[in-house]
mmCIF file of all heavy atoms, coordinates in Angstrom:
data_MODEL
# 
_entry.id   MODEL 
# 
loop_
_atom_site.group_PDB 
_atom_site.id 
_atom_site.type_symbol 
_atom_site.label_atom_id 
_atom_site.label_alt_id 
_atom_site.label_comp_id 
_atom_site.label_asym_id 
_atom_site.label_entity_id 
_atom_site.label_seq_id 
_atom_site.pdbx_PDB_ins_code 
_atom_site.Cartn_x 
_atom_site.Cartn_y 
_atom_site.Cartn_z 
_atom_site.occupancy 
_atom_site.B_iso_or_equiv 
_atom_site.pdbx_formal_charge 
_atom_site.auth_seq_id 
_atom_site.auth_comp_id 
_atom_site.auth_asym_id 
_atom_site.auth_atom_id 
_atom_site.pdbx_PDB_model_num 
ATOM 1   N N   . LYS A 1 1  ? -43.085 10.791 -12.255 1.00 0.00 ? 1  LYS A N   1 
ATOM 2   C CA  . LYS A 1 1  ? -42.437 11.888 -12.969 1.00 0.00 ? 1  LYS A CA  1 
ATOM 3   C C   . LYS A 1 1  ? -41.589 12.856 -12.044 1.00 0.00 ? 1  LYS A C   1 
ATOM 4   O O   . LYS A 1 1  ? -40.638 13.322 -12.507 1.00 0.00 ? 1  LYS A O   1 
ATOM 5   C CB  . LYS A 1 1  ? -43.615 12.687 -13.669 1.00 0.00 ? 1  LYS A CB  1 
ATOM 6   C CG  . LYS A 1 1  ? -44.248 11.995 -14.904 1.00 0.00 ? 1  LYS A CG  1 
ATOM 7   C CD  . LYS A 1 1  ? -45.346 12.963 -15.370 1.00 0.00 ? 1  LYS A CD  1 
ATOM 8   C CE  . LYS A 1 1  ? -45.949 12.371 -16.691 1.00 0.00 ? 1  LYS A CE  1 
ATOM 9   N NZ  . LYS A 1 1  ? -47.096 13.122 -17.118 1.00 0.00 ? 1  LYS A NZ  1 
ATOM 10  N N   . LEU A 1 2  ? -42.119 12.918 -10.875 1.00 0.00 ? 2  LEU A N   1 
ATOM 11  C CA  . LEU A 1 2  ? -41.390 13.810 -9.925  1.00 0.00 ? 2  LEU A CA  1 
ATOM 12  C C   . LEU A 1 2  ? -40.010 13.416 -9.610  1.00 0.00 ? 2  LEU A C   1 
ATOM 13  O O   . LEU A 1 2  ? -39.130 14.250 -9.389  1.00 0.00 ? 2  LEU A O   1 
ATOM 14  C CB  . LEU A 1 2  ? -42.132 13.993 -8.634  1.00 0.00 ? 2  LEU A CB  1 
ATOM 15  C CG  . LEU A 1 2  ? -43.393 14.831 -8.627  1.00 0.00 ? 2  LEU A CG  1 
ATOM 16  C CD1 . LEU A 1 2  ? -44.207 14.742 -7.288  1.00 0.00 ? 2  LEU A CD1 1 
ATOM 17  C CD2 . LEU A 1 2  ? -43.037 16.300 -8.889  1.00 0.00 ? 2  LEU A CD2 1 
ATOM 18  N N   . VAL A 1 3  ? -39.739 12.078 -9.617  1.00 0.00 ? 3  VAL A N   1 
ATOM 19  C CA  . VAL A 1 3  ? -38.341 11.559 -9.180  1.00 0.00 ? 3  VAL A CA  1 
ATOM 20  C C   . VAL A 1 3  ? -37.504 11.381 -10.322 1.00 0.00 ? 3  VAL A C   1 
ATOM 21  O O   . VAL A 1 3  ? -36.306 10.982 -10.097 1.00 0.00 ? 3  VAL A O   1 
ATOM 22  C CB  . VAL A 1 3  ? -38.563 10.306 -8.307  1.00 0.00 ? 3  VAL A CB  1 
ATOM 23  C CG1 . VAL A 1 3  ? -39.398 10.579 -7.118  1.00 0.00 ? 3  VAL A CG1 1 
ATOM 24  C CG2 . VAL A 1 3  ? -39.213 9.228  -9.082  1.00 0.00 ? 3  VAL A CG2 1 
ATOM 25  N N   . ILE A 1 4  ? -37.947 11.598 -11.487 1.00 0.00 ? 4  ILE A N   1 
ATOM 26  C CA  . ILE A 1 4  ? -37.026 11.374 -12.709 1.00 0.00 ? 4  ILE A CA  1 
ATOM 27  C C   . ILE A 1 4  ? -36.356 12.684 -12.901 1.00 0.00 ? 4  ILE A C   1 
ATOM 28  O O   . ILE A 1 4  ? -36.967 13.704 -13.220 1.00 0.00 ? 4  ILE A O   1 
ATOM 29  C CB  . ILE A 1 4  ? -37.861 10.836 -13.875 1.00 0.00 ? 4  ILE A CB  1 
ATOM 30  C CG1 . ILE A 1 4  ? -38.294 9.434  -13.735 1.00 0.00 ? 4  ILE A CG1 1 
ATOM 31  C CG2 . ILE A 1 4  ? -36.971 10.983 -15.128 1.00 0.00 ? 4  ILE A CG2 1 
ATOM 32  C CD1 . ILE A 1 4  ? -39.165 8.982  -14.907 1.00 0.00 ? 4  ILE A CD1 1 
ATOM 33  N N   . ILE A 1 5  ? -34.981 12.592 -12.970 1.00 0.00 ? 5  ILE A N   1 
ATOM 34  C CA  . ILE A 1 5  ? -34.271 13.772 -13.291 1.00 0.00 ? 5  ILE A CA  1 
ATOM 35  C C   . ILE A 1 5  ? -33.210 13.409 -14.309 1.00 0.00 ? 5  ILE A C   1 
ATOM 36  O O   . ILE A 1 5  ? -32.766 12.152 -14.340 1.00 0.00 ? 5  ILE A O   1 
ATOM 37  C CB  . ILE A 1 5  ? -33.543 14.539 -12.011 1.00 0.00 ? 5  ILE A CB  1 
ATOM 38  C CG1 . ILE A 1 5  ? -32.624 13.422 -11.384 1.00 0.00 ? 5  ILE A CG1 1 
ATOM 39  C CG2 . ILE A 1 5  ? -34.600 14.896 -10.989 1.00 0.00 ? 5  ILE A CG2 1 
ATOM 40  C CD1 . ILE A 1 5  ? -31.674 14.077 -10.257 1.00 0.00 ? 5  ILE A CD1 1 
ATOM 41  N N   . GLN A 1 6  ? -32.779 14.364 -14.987 1.00 0.00 ? 6  GLN A N   1 
ATOM 42  C CA  . GLN A 1 6  ? -31.758 14.131 -16.078 1.00 0.00 ? 6  GLN A CA  1 
ATOM 43  C C   . GLN A 1 6  ? -30.417 14.032 -15.309 1.00 0.00 ? 6  GLN A C   1 
ATOM 44  O O   . GLN A 1 6  ? -29.926 15.106 -14.648 1.00 0.00 ? 6  GLN A O   1 
ATOM 45  C CB  . GLN A 1 6  ? -31.739 15.160 -17.100 1.00 0.00 ? 6  GLN A CB  1 
ATOM 46  C CG  . GLN A 1 6  ? -30.788 14.989 -18.292 1.00 0.00 ? 6  GLN A CG  1 
ATOM 47  C CD  . GLN A 1 6  ? -30.925 16.035 -19.320 1.00 0.00 ? 6  GLN A CD  1 
ATOM 48  O OE1 . GLN A 1 6  ? -31.599 16.997 -19.166 1.00 0.00 ? 6  GLN A OE1 1 
ATOM 49  N NE2 . GLN A 1 6  ? -30.121 15.830 -20.420 1.00 0.00 ? 6  GLN A NE2 1 
ATOM 50  N N   . ILE A 1 7  ? -29.669 12.896 -15.543 1.00 0.00 ? 7  ILE A N   1 
ATOM 51  C CA  . ILE A 1 7  ? -28.457 12.785 -14.869 1.00 0.00 ? 7  ILE A CA  1 
ATOM 52  C C   . ILE A 1 7  ? -27.359 12.944 -15.880 1.00 0.00 ? 7  ILE A C   1 
ATOM 53  O O   . ILE A 1 7  ? -27.441 12.779 -17.011 1.00 0.00 ? 7  ILE A O   1 
ATOM 54  C CB  . ILE A 1 7  ? -28.416 11.375 -14.264 1.00 0.00 ? 7  ILE A CB  1 
ATOM 55  C CG1 . ILE A 1 7  ? -28.352 10.262 -15.256 1.00 0.00 ? 7  ILE A CG1 1 
ATOM 56  C CG2 . ILE A 1 7  ? -29.531 11.129 -13.246 1.00 0.00 ? 7  ILE A CG2 1 
ATOM 57  C CD1 . ILE A 1 7  ? -28.073 8.850  -14.680 1.00 0.00 ? 7  ILE A CD1 1 
ATOM 58  N N   . SER A 1 8  ? -26.204 13.228 -15.345 1.00 0.00 ? 8  SER A N   1 
ATOM 59  C CA  . SER A 1 8  ? -24.923 13.507 -16.062 1.00 0.00 ? 8  SER A CA  1 
ATOM 60  C C   . SER A 1 8  ? -24.042 12.271 -16.221 1.00 0.00 ? 8  SER A C   1 
ATOM 61  O O   . SER A 1 8  ? -23.660 11.962 -17.339 1.00 0.00 ? 8  SER A O   1 
ATOM 62  C CB  . SER A 1 8  ? -24.145 14.730 -15.477 1.00 0.00 ? 8  SER A CB  1 
ATOM 63  O OG  . SER A 1 8  ? -23.969 14.424 -14.103 1.00 0.00 ? 8  SER A OG  1 
ATOM 64  N N   . ASN A 1 9  ? -23.799 11.603 -15.058 1.00 0.00 ? 9  ASN A N   1 
ATOM 65  C CA  . ASN A 1 9  ? -22.972 10.353 -15.133 1.00 0.00 ? 9  ASN A CA  1 
ATOM 66  C C   . ASN A 1 9  ? -23.572 9.401  -14.016 1.00 0.00 ? 9  ASN A C   1 
ATOM 67  O O   . ASN A 1 9  ? -24.112 9.702  -12.971 1.00 0.00 ? 9  ASN A O   1 
ATOM 68  C CB  . ASN A 1 9  ? -21.501 10.779 -14.617 1.00 0.00 ? 9  ASN A CB  1 
ATOM 69  C CG  . ASN A 1 9  ? -20.907 11.784 -15.549 1.00 0.00 ? 9  ASN A CG  1 
ATOM 70  O OD1 . ASN A 1 9  ? -20.584 11.566 -16.649 1.00 0.00 ? 9  ASN A OD1 1 
ATOM 71  N ND2 . ASN A 1 9  ? -20.726 13.015 -14.964 1.00 0.00 ? 9  ASN A ND2 1 
ATOM 72  N N   . LEU A 1 10 ? -23.372 8.045  -14.381 1.00 0.00 ? 10 LEU A N   1 
ATOM 73  C CA  . LEU A 1 10 ? -23.684 7.087  -13.432 1.00 0.00 ? 10 LEU A CA  1 
ATOM 74  C C   . LEU A 1 10 ? -22.539 6.801  -12.409 1.00 0.00 ? 10 LEU A C   1 
ATOM 75  O O   . LEU A 1 10 ? -21.294 7.003  -12.779 1.00 0.00 ? 10 LEU A O   1 
ATOM 76  C CB  . LEU A 1 10 ? -24.021 5.830  -14.156 1.00 0.00 ? 10 LEU A CB  1 
ATOM 77  C CG  . LEU A 1 10 ? -25.488 5.697  -14.664 1.00 0.00 ? 10 LEU A CG  1 
ATOM 78  C CD1 . LEU A 1 10 ? -25.512 4.388  -15.538 1.00 0.00 ? 10 LEU A CD1 1 
ATOM 79  C CD2 . LEU A 1 10 ? -26.502 5.628  -13.675 1.00 0.00 ? 10 LEU A CD2 1 
ATOM 80  N N   . ILE A 1 11 ? -22.816 6.261  -11.298 1.00 0.00 ? 11 ILE A N   1 
ATOM 81  C CA  . ILE A 1 11 ? -21.815 6.042  -10.282 1.00 0.00 ? 11 ILE A CA  1 
ATOM 82  C C   . ILE A 1 11 ? -20.816 4.989  -10.821 1.00 0.00 ? 11 ILE A C   1 
ATOM 83  O O   . ILE A 1 11 ? -19.649 5.095  -10.381 1.00 0.00 ? 11 ILE A O   1 
ATOM 84  C CB  . ILE A 1 11 ? -22.456 5.582  -8.961  1.00 0.00 ? 11 ILE A CB  1 
ATOM 85  C CG1 . ILE A 1 11 ? -21.415 5.675  -7.852  1.00 0.00 ? 11 ILE A CG1 1 
ATOM 86  C CG2 . ILE A 1 11 ? -23.009 4.114  -9.142  1.00 0.00 ? 11 ILE A CG2 1 
ATOM 87  C CD1 . ILE A 1 11 ? -22.029 5.390  -6.503  1.00 0.00 ? 11 ILE A CD1 1 
ATOM 88  N N   . THR A 1 12 ? -21.234 4.219  -11.723 1.00 0.00 ? 12 THR A N   1 
ATOM 89  C CA  . THR A 1 12 ? -20.226 3.241  -12.295 1.00 0.00 ? 12 THR A CA  1 
ATOM 90  C C   . THR A 1 12 ? -19.145 3.918  -13.107 1.00 0.00 ? 12 THR A C   1 
ATOM 91  O O   . THR A 1 12 ? -18.076 3.295  -13.422 1.00 0.00 ? 12 THR A O   1 
ATOM 92  C CB  . THR A 1 12 ? -20.944 2.194  -13.280 1.00 0.00 ? 12 THR A CB  1 
ATOM 93  O OG1 . THR A 1 12 ? -21.749 2.928  -14.048 1.00 0.00 ? 12 THR A OG1 1 
ATOM 94  C CG2 . THR A 1 12 ? -21.829 1.296  -12.433 1.00 0.00 ? 12 THR A CG2 1 
ATOM 95  N N   . ASP A 1 13 ? -19.305 5.175  -13.512 1.00 0.00 ? 13 ASP A N   1 
ATOM 96  C CA  . ASP A 1 13 ? -18.247 5.977  -14.120 1.00 0.00 ? 13 ASP A CA  1 
ATOM 97  C C   . ASP A 1 13 ? -17.447 6.697  -13.319 1.00 0.00 ? 13 ASP A C   1 
ATOM 98  O O   . ASP A 1 13 ? -16.461 7.479  -13.721 1.00 0.00 ? 13 ASP A O   1 
ATOM 99  C CB  . ASP A 1 13 ? -19.014 6.950  -15.212 1.00 0.00 ? 13 ASP A CB  1 
ATOM 100 C CG  . ASP A 1 13 ? -19.858 6.126  -16.208 1.00 0.00 ? 13 ASP A CG  1 
ATOM 101 O OD1 . ASP A 1 13 ? -19.413 5.079  -16.659 1.00 0.00 ? 13 ASP A OD1 1 
ATOM 102 O OD2 . ASP A 1 13 ? -20.926 6.517  -16.528 1.00 0.00 ? 13 ASP A OD2 1 
ATOM 103 N N   . ARG A 1 14 ? -17.729 6.767  -11.993 1.00 0.00 ? 14 ARG A N   1 
ATOM 104 C CA  . ARG A 1 14 ? -17.005 7.481  -11.081 1.00 0.00 ? 14 ARG A CA  1 
ATOM 105 C C   . ARG A 1 14 ? -15.437 7.033  -10.936 1.00 0.00 ? 14 ARG A C   1 
ATOM 106 O O   . ARG A 1 14 ? -15.192 5.853  -11.014 1.00 0.00 ? 14 ARG A O   1 
ATOM 107 C CB  . ARG A 1 14 ? -17.493 7.435  -9.720  1.00 0.00 ? 14 ARG A CB  1 
ATOM 108 C CG  . ARG A 1 14 ? -17.079 8.522  -8.683  1.00 0.00 ? 14 ARG A CG  1 
ATOM 109 C CD  . ARG A 1 14 ? -17.826 8.529  -7.449  1.00 0.00 ? 14 ARG A CD  1 
ATOM 110 N NE  . ARG A 1 14 ? -17.753 7.214  -6.645  1.00 0.00 ? 14 ARG A NE  1 
ATOM 111 C CZ  . ARG A 1 14 ? -18.395 6.970  -5.575  1.00 0.00 ? 14 ARG A CZ  1 
ATOM 112 N NH1 . ARG A 1 14 ? -19.230 7.816  -5.070  1.00 0.00 ? 14 ARG A NH1 1 
ATOM 113 N NH2 . ARG A 1 14 ? -18.157 5.724  -5.002  1.00 0.00 ? 14 ARG A NH2 1 
ATOM 114 N N   . PRO A 1 15 ? -14.518 8.012  -10.939 1.00 0.00 ? 15 PRO A N   1 
ATOM 115 C CA  . PRO A 1 15 ? -13.085 7.539  -10.998 1.00 0.00 ? 15 PRO A CA  1 
ATOM 116 C C   . PRO A 1 15 ? -12.725 6.679  -9.748  1.00 0.00 ? 15 PRO A C   1 
ATOM 117 O O   . PRO A 1 15 ? -13.242 6.816  -8.628  1.00 0.00 ? 15 PRO A O   1 
ATOM 118 C CB  . PRO A 1 15 ? -12.360 8.942  -10.897 1.00 0.00 ? 15 PRO A CB  1 
ATOM 119 C CG  . PRO A 1 15 ? -13.348 9.966  -11.297 1.00 0.00 ? 15 PRO A CG  1 
ATOM 120 C CD  . PRO A 1 15 ? -14.688 9.435  -10.857 1.00 0.00 ? 15 PRO A CD  1 
ATOM 121 N N   . ASP A 1 16 ? -11.758 5.882  -10.041 1.00 0.00 ? 16 ASP A N   1 
ATOM 122 C CA  . ASP A 1 16 ? -11.223 4.937  -9.062  1.00 0.00 ? 16 ASP A CA  1 
ATOM 123 C C   . ASP A 1 16 ? -10.676 5.707  -7.758  1.00 0.00 ? 16 ASP A C   1 
ATOM 124 O O   . ASP A 1 16 ? -10.698 5.213  -6.676  1.00 0.00 ? 16 ASP A O   1 
ATOM 125 C CB  . ASP A 1 16 ? -10.118 3.955  -9.557  1.00 0.00 ? 16 ASP A CB  1 
ATOM 126 C CG  . ASP A 1 16 ? -10.668 2.932  -10.439 1.00 0.00 ? 16 ASP A CG  1 
ATOM 127 O OD1 . ASP A 1 16 ? -11.926 2.731  -10.392 1.00 0.00 ? 16 ASP A OD1 1 
ATOM 128 O OD2 . ASP A 1 16 ? -9.971  2.486  -11.318 1.00 0.00 ? 16 ASP A OD2 1 
ATOM 129 N N   . LEU A 1 17 ? -10.105 6.884  -8.004  1.00 0.00 ? 17 LEU A N   1 
ATOM 130 C CA  . LEU A 1 17 ? -9.584  7.657  -6.897  1.00 0.00 ? 17 LEU A CA  1 
ATOM 131 C C   . LEU A 1 17 ? -10.636 8.001  -5.917  1.00 0.00 ? 17 LEU A C   1 
ATOM 132 O O   . LEU A 1 17 ? -10.401 8.028  -4.732  1.00 0.00 ? 17 LEU A O   1 
ATOM 133 C CB  . LEU A 1 17 ? -8.930  8.928  -7.412  1.00 0.00 ? 17 LEU A CB  1 
ATOM 134 C CG  . LEU A 1 17 ? -7.614  8.738  -8.165  1.00 0.00 ? 17 LEU A CG  1 
ATOM 135 C CD1 . LEU A 1 17 ? -7.158  10.132 -8.771  1.00 0.00 ? 17 LEU A CD1 1 
ATOM 136 C CD2 . LEU A 1 17 ? -6.446  8.308  -7.182  1.00 0.00 ? 17 LEU A CD2 1 
ATOM 137 N N   . ALA A 1 18 ? -11.866 8.230  -6.446  1.00 0.00 ? 18 ALA A N   1 
ATOM 138 C CA  . ALA A 1 18 ? -12.986 8.514  -5.599  1.00 0.00 ? 18 ALA A CA  1 
ATOM 139 C C   . ALA A 1 18 ? -13.514 7.232  -4.958  1.00 0.00 ? 18 ALA A C   1 
ATOM 140 O O   . ALA A 1 18 ? -13.823 7.231  -3.709  1.00 0.00 ? 18 ALA A O   1 
ATOM 141 C CB  . ALA A 1 18 ? -14.100 9.215  -6.398  1.00 0.00 ? 18 ALA A CB  1 
ATOM 142 N N   . ASN A 1 19 ? -13.649 6.237  -5.638  1.00 0.00 ? 19 ASN A N   1 
ATOM 143 C CA  . ASN A 1 19 ? -14.210 4.933  -5.255  1.00 0.00 ? 19 ASN A CA  1 
ATOM 144 C C   . ASN A 1 19 ? -13.296 4.332  -4.044  1.00 0.00 ? 19 ASN A C   1 
ATOM 145 O O   . ASN A 1 19 ? -13.817 3.832  -3.171  1.00 0.00 ? 19 ASN A O   1 
ATOM 146 C CB  . ASN A 1 19 ? -14.248 3.835  -6.313  1.00 0.00 ? 19 ASN A CB  1 
ATOM 147 C CG  . ASN A 1 19 ? -15.269 4.263  -7.406  1.00 0.00 ? 19 ASN A CG  1 
ATOM 148 O OD1 . ASN A 1 19 ? -16.300 5.027  -7.121  1.00 0.00 ? 19 ASN A OD1 1 
ATOM 149 N ND2 . ASN A 1 19 ? -15.107 3.909  -8.613  1.00 0.00 ? 19 ASN A ND2 1 
ATOM 150 N N   . ASN A 1 20 ? -11.961 4.548  -4.226  1.00 0.00 ? 20 ASN A N   1 
ATOM 151 C CA  . ASN A 1 20 ? -11.103 4.081  -3.292  1.00 0.00 ? 20 ASN A CA  1 
ATOM 152 C C   . ASN A 1 20 ? -10.720 4.906  -2.130  1.00 0.00 ? 20 ASN A C   1 
ATOM 153 O O   . ASN A 1 20 ? -9.821  4.690  -1.348  1.00 0.00 ? 20 ASN A O   1 
ATOM 154 C CB  . ASN A 1 20 ? -9.800  3.596  -3.961  1.00 0.00 ? 20 ASN A CB  1 
ATOM 155 C CG  . ASN A 1 20 ? -9.990  2.431  -4.980  1.00 0.00 ? 20 ASN A CG  1 
ATOM 156 O OD1 . ASN A 1 20 ? -10.913 1.709  -4.908  1.00 0.00 ? 20 ASN A OD1 1 
ATOM 157 N ND2 . ASN A 1 20 ? -9.259  2.436  -6.014  1.00 0.00 ? 20 ASN A ND2 1 
ATOM 158 N N   . ARG A 1 21 ? -11.247 6.114  -2.130  1.00 0.00 ? 21 ARG A N   1 
ATOM 159 C CA  . ARG A 1 21 ? -11.131 7.020  -0.974  1.00 0.00 ? 21 ARG A CA  1 
ATOM 160 C C   . ARG A 1 21 ? -9.637  7.457  -0.874  1.00 0.00 ? 21 ARG A C   1 
ATOM 161 O O   . ARG A 1 21 ? -9.071  7.592  0.209   1.00 0.00 ? 21 ARG A O   1 
ATOM 162 C CB  . ARG A 1 21 ? -11.552 6.531  0.252   1.00 0.00 ? 21 ARG A CB  1 
ATOM 163 C CG  . ARG A 1 21 ? -13.003 5.907  0.334   1.00 0.00 ? 21 ARG A CG  1 
ATOM 164 C CD  . ARG A 1 21 ? -13.327 5.475  1.665   1.00 0.00 ? 21 ARG A CD  1 
ATOM 165 N NE  . ARG A 1 21 ? -14.588 4.654  1.724   1.00 0.00 ? 21 ARG A NE  1 
ATOM 166 C CZ  . ARG A 1 21 ? -15.728 5.188  1.912   1.00 0.00 ? 21 ARG A CZ  1 
ATOM 167 N NH1 . ARG A 1 21 ? -15.879 6.395  2.221   1.00 0.00 ? 21 ARG A NH1 1 
ATOM 168 N NH2 . ARG A 1 21 ? -16.884 4.438  1.953   1.00 0.00 ? 21 ARG A NH2 1 
ATOM 169 N N   . GLU A 1 22 ? -9.020  7.817  -2.042  1.00 0.00 ? 22 GLU A N   1 
ATOM 170 C CA  . GLU A 1 22 ? -7.546  8.116  -1.997  1.00 0.00 ? 22 GLU A CA  1 
ATOM 171 C C   . GLU A 1 22 ? -7.242  9.520  -1.980  1.00 0.00 ? 22 GLU A C   1 
ATOM 172 O O   . GLU A 1 22 ? -6.134  10.005 -1.882  1.00 0.00 ? 22 GLU A O   1 
ATOM 173 C CB  . GLU A 1 22 ? -6.999  7.476  -3.354  1.00 0.00 ? 22 GLU A CB  1 
ATOM 174 C CG  . GLU A 1 22 ? -7.026  6.003  -3.471  1.00 0.00 ? 22 GLU A CG  1 
ATOM 175 C CD  . GLU A 1 22 ? -6.433  5.490  -4.697  1.00 0.00 ? 22 GLU A CD  1 
ATOM 176 O OE1 . GLU A 1 22 ? -5.536  6.132  -5.206  1.00 0.00 ? 22 GLU A OE1 1 
ATOM 177 O OE2 . GLU A 1 22 ? -6.782  4.272  -5.050  1.00 0.00 ? 22 GLU A OE2 1 
ATOM 178 N N   . ARG A 1 23 ? -8.331  10.413 -1.904  1.00 0.00 ? 23 ARG A N   1 
ATOM 179 C CA  . ARG A 1 23 ? -8.189  11.864 -1.986  1.00 0.00 ? 23 ARG A CA  1 
ATOM 180 C C   . ARG A 1 23 ? -9.268  12.527 -1.253  1.00 0.00 ? 23 ARG A C   1 
ATOM 181 O O   . ARG A 1 23 ? -10.347 11.952 -1.004  1.00 0.00 ? 23 ARG A O   1 
ATOM 182 C CB  . ARG A 1 23 ? -8.040  12.317 -3.385  1.00 0.00 ? 23 ARG A CB  1 
ATOM 183 C CG  . ARG A 1 23 ? -9.262  12.219 -4.118  1.00 0.00 ? 23 ARG A CG  1 
ATOM 184 C CD  . ARG A 1 23 ? -9.158  12.492 -5.635  1.00 0.00 ? 23 ARG A CD  1 
ATOM 185 N NE  . ARG A 1 23 ? -10.423 12.317 -6.327  1.00 0.00 ? 23 ARG A NE  1 
ATOM 186 C CZ  . ARG A 1 23 ? -10.551 12.388 -7.690  1.00 0.00 ? 23 ARG A CZ  1 
ATOM 187 N NH1 . ARG A 1 23 ? -9.514  12.515 -8.402  1.00 0.00 ? 23 ARG A NH1 1 
ATOM 188 N NH2 . ARG A 1 23 ? -11.786 12.186 -8.171  1.00 0.00 ? 23 ARG A NH2 1 
ATOM 189 N N   . LEU A 1 24 ? -9.000  13.852 -0.849  1.00 0.00 ? 24 LEU A N   1 
ATOM 190 C CA  . LEU A 1 24 ? -10.164 14.685 -0.418  1.00 0.00 ? 24 LEU A CA  1 
ATOM 191 C C   . LEU A 1 24 ? -10.961 15.239 -1.520  1.00 0.00 ? 24 LEU A C   1 
ATOM 192 O O   . LEU A 1 24 ? -10.389 15.436 -2.624  1.00 0.00 ? 24 LEU A O   1 
ATOM 193 C CB  . LEU A 1 24 ? -9.619  15.729 0.520   1.00 0.00 ? 24 LEU A CB  1 
ATOM 194 C CG  . LEU A 1 24 ? -8.879  15.366 1.772   1.00 0.00 ? 24 LEU A CG  1 
ATOM 195 C CD1 . LEU A 1 24 ? -8.246  16.643 2.511   1.00 0.00 ? 24 LEU A CD1 1 
ATOM 196 C CD2 . LEU A 1 24 ? -9.732  14.596 2.820   1.00 0.00 ? 24 LEU A CD2 1 
ATOM 197 N N   . GLY A 1 25 ? -12.138 15.556 -1.323  1.00 0.00 ? 25 GLY A N   1 
ATOM 198 C CA  . GLY A 1 25 ? -12.978 16.299 -2.208  1.00 0.00 ? 25 GLY A CA  1 
ATOM 199 C C   . GLY A 1 25 ? -13.908 15.409 -3.054  1.00 0.00 ? 25 GLY A C   1 
ATOM 200 O O   . GLY A 1 25 ? -14.662 15.989 -4.049  1.00 0.00 ? 25 GLY A O   1 
ATOM 201 N N   . ASP A 1 26 ? -14.084 14.183 -2.689  1.00 0.00 ? 26 ASP A N   1 
ATOM 202 C CA  . ASP A 1 26 ? -15.146 13.355 -3.339  1.00 0.00 ? 26 ASP A CA  1 
ATOM 203 C C   . ASP A 1 26 ? -16.362 13.281 -2.298  1.00 0.00 ? 26 ASP A C   1 
ATOM 204 O O   . ASP A 1 26 ? -16.323 12.640 -1.366  1.00 0.00 ? 26 ASP A O   1 
ATOM 205 C CB  . ASP A 1 26 ? -14.645 11.926 -3.616  1.00 0.00 ? 26 ASP A CB  1 
ATOM 206 C CG  . ASP A 1 26 ? -13.559 11.984 -4.652  1.00 0.00 ? 26 ASP A CG  1 
ATOM 207 O OD1 . ASP A 1 26 ? -13.856 12.365 -5.773  1.00 0.00 ? 26 ASP A OD1 1 
ATOM 208 O OD2 . ASP A 1 26 ? -12.416 11.590 -4.380  1.00 0.00 ? 26 ASP A OD2 1 
ATOM 209 N N   . TRP A 1 27 ? -17.347 13.981 -2.656  1.00 0.00 ? 27 TRP A N   1 
ATOM 210 C CA  . TRP A 1 27 ? -18.421 14.312 -1.649  1.00 0.00 ? 27 TRP A CA  1 
ATOM 211 C C   . TRP A 1 27 ? -19.750 13.425 -2.031  1.00 0.00 ? 27 TRP A C   1 
ATOM 212 O O   . TRP A 1 27 ? -19.925 13.277 -3.164  1.00 0.00 ? 27 TRP A O   1 
ATOM 213 C CB  . TRP A 1 27 ? -18.882 15.715 -1.661  1.00 0.00 ? 27 TRP A CB  1 
ATOM 214 C CG  . TRP A 1 27 ? -17.777 16.700 -1.277  1.00 0.00 ? 27 TRP A CG  1 
ATOM 215 C CD1 . TRP A 1 27 ? -16.823 17.255 -2.051  1.00 0.00 ? 27 TRP A CD1 1 
ATOM 216 C CD2 . TRP A 1 27 ? -17.521 17.051 0.110   1.00 0.00 ? 27 TRP A CD2 1 
ATOM 217 N NE1 . TRP A 1 27 ? -15.942 18.014 -1.326  1.00 0.00 ? 27 TRP A NE1 1 
ATOM 218 C CE2 . TRP A 1 27 ? -16.320 17.882 0.001   1.00 0.00 ? 27 TRP A CE2 1 
ATOM 219 C CE3 . TRP A 1 27 ? -17.985 16.734 1.291   1.00 0.00 ? 27 TRP A CE3 1 
ATOM 220 C CZ2 . TRP A 1 27 ? -15.727 18.520 1.092   1.00 0.00 ? 27 TRP A CZ2 1 
ATOM 221 C CZ3 . TRP A 1 27 ? -17.443 17.369 2.455   1.00 0.00 ? 27 TRP A CZ3 1 
ATOM 222 C CH2 . TRP A 1 27 ? -16.359 18.202 2.415   1.00 0.00 ? 27 TRP A CH2 1 
# 
């Protein structure tokens, strides 16, 4: 129960710009 949190988005939905390291600001 302690480790289950409500999440907003899965990593599979992360933009390609973030996945490909094309910009600053993806932390």
